[in-house]
Amino acid sequence: MPNRQLIPFLLILLVITTSLACGQTVMPTIDVAEIPHDFIGTGTIFIWAIGNHDEQLARSLLTERAQDAVDKYCENGNVTACLTKVGLENWGVTKDITFASDFSDKSTAVYSVTWSASDQHTWIVLEIVIVNGEWQVDSWRGFISSKASEGEFPYDLFKGTDSINLFPPDE
């Protein structure tokens, strides 16, 4: 029997995927209140927010450290501006977000994301921590694409030995 907390999350993903598959051109919307703000849900909401250019929502999910880094390193203090160099603007909106539980641990969340304007998926690694009882995104790395048919998981990215597109950057 599926975990009852995951049912609303899975329904939201089904709605997003179905609406995009049916050729709708409007940006999919989600009811954030329906997704648990736990370890998995926080990362899912963050990825949806950046993929759909919802700056306010994306920023609200960042730790203070990550917000300070966005202000320092990203054009106009925008989270999505941090990701333009990796090609975010060419990918379209988020089509499907899959939590890769086999590759995740208690603070490192791995997601495979497909986009509306690409036949590729993107590996995204988020470091998610609890701050004052709330799950928040503290850093990310990855945002590397590969064809969905190739889909091989980059273990060095998960382990942190490959810090491609690490944010905030090491100083």
Foldseek 3Di string as FASTA:
>chain_A
DDDPLCVLVVVLLVVLQVCLVVPDPDHRDDDLVSHDQDPVSLVVQLLQCLLVVVQVSNLVQADPQQQVLLVVPAVVSGPNSLCVVLPSVQQAHWNGKAWPVVLADDFKTWIWTHGSRDQKIWIKIFGWDADPNGIHTHKIATRDIDHVVVPDDDNCRSVVVDRHSIPPDDD
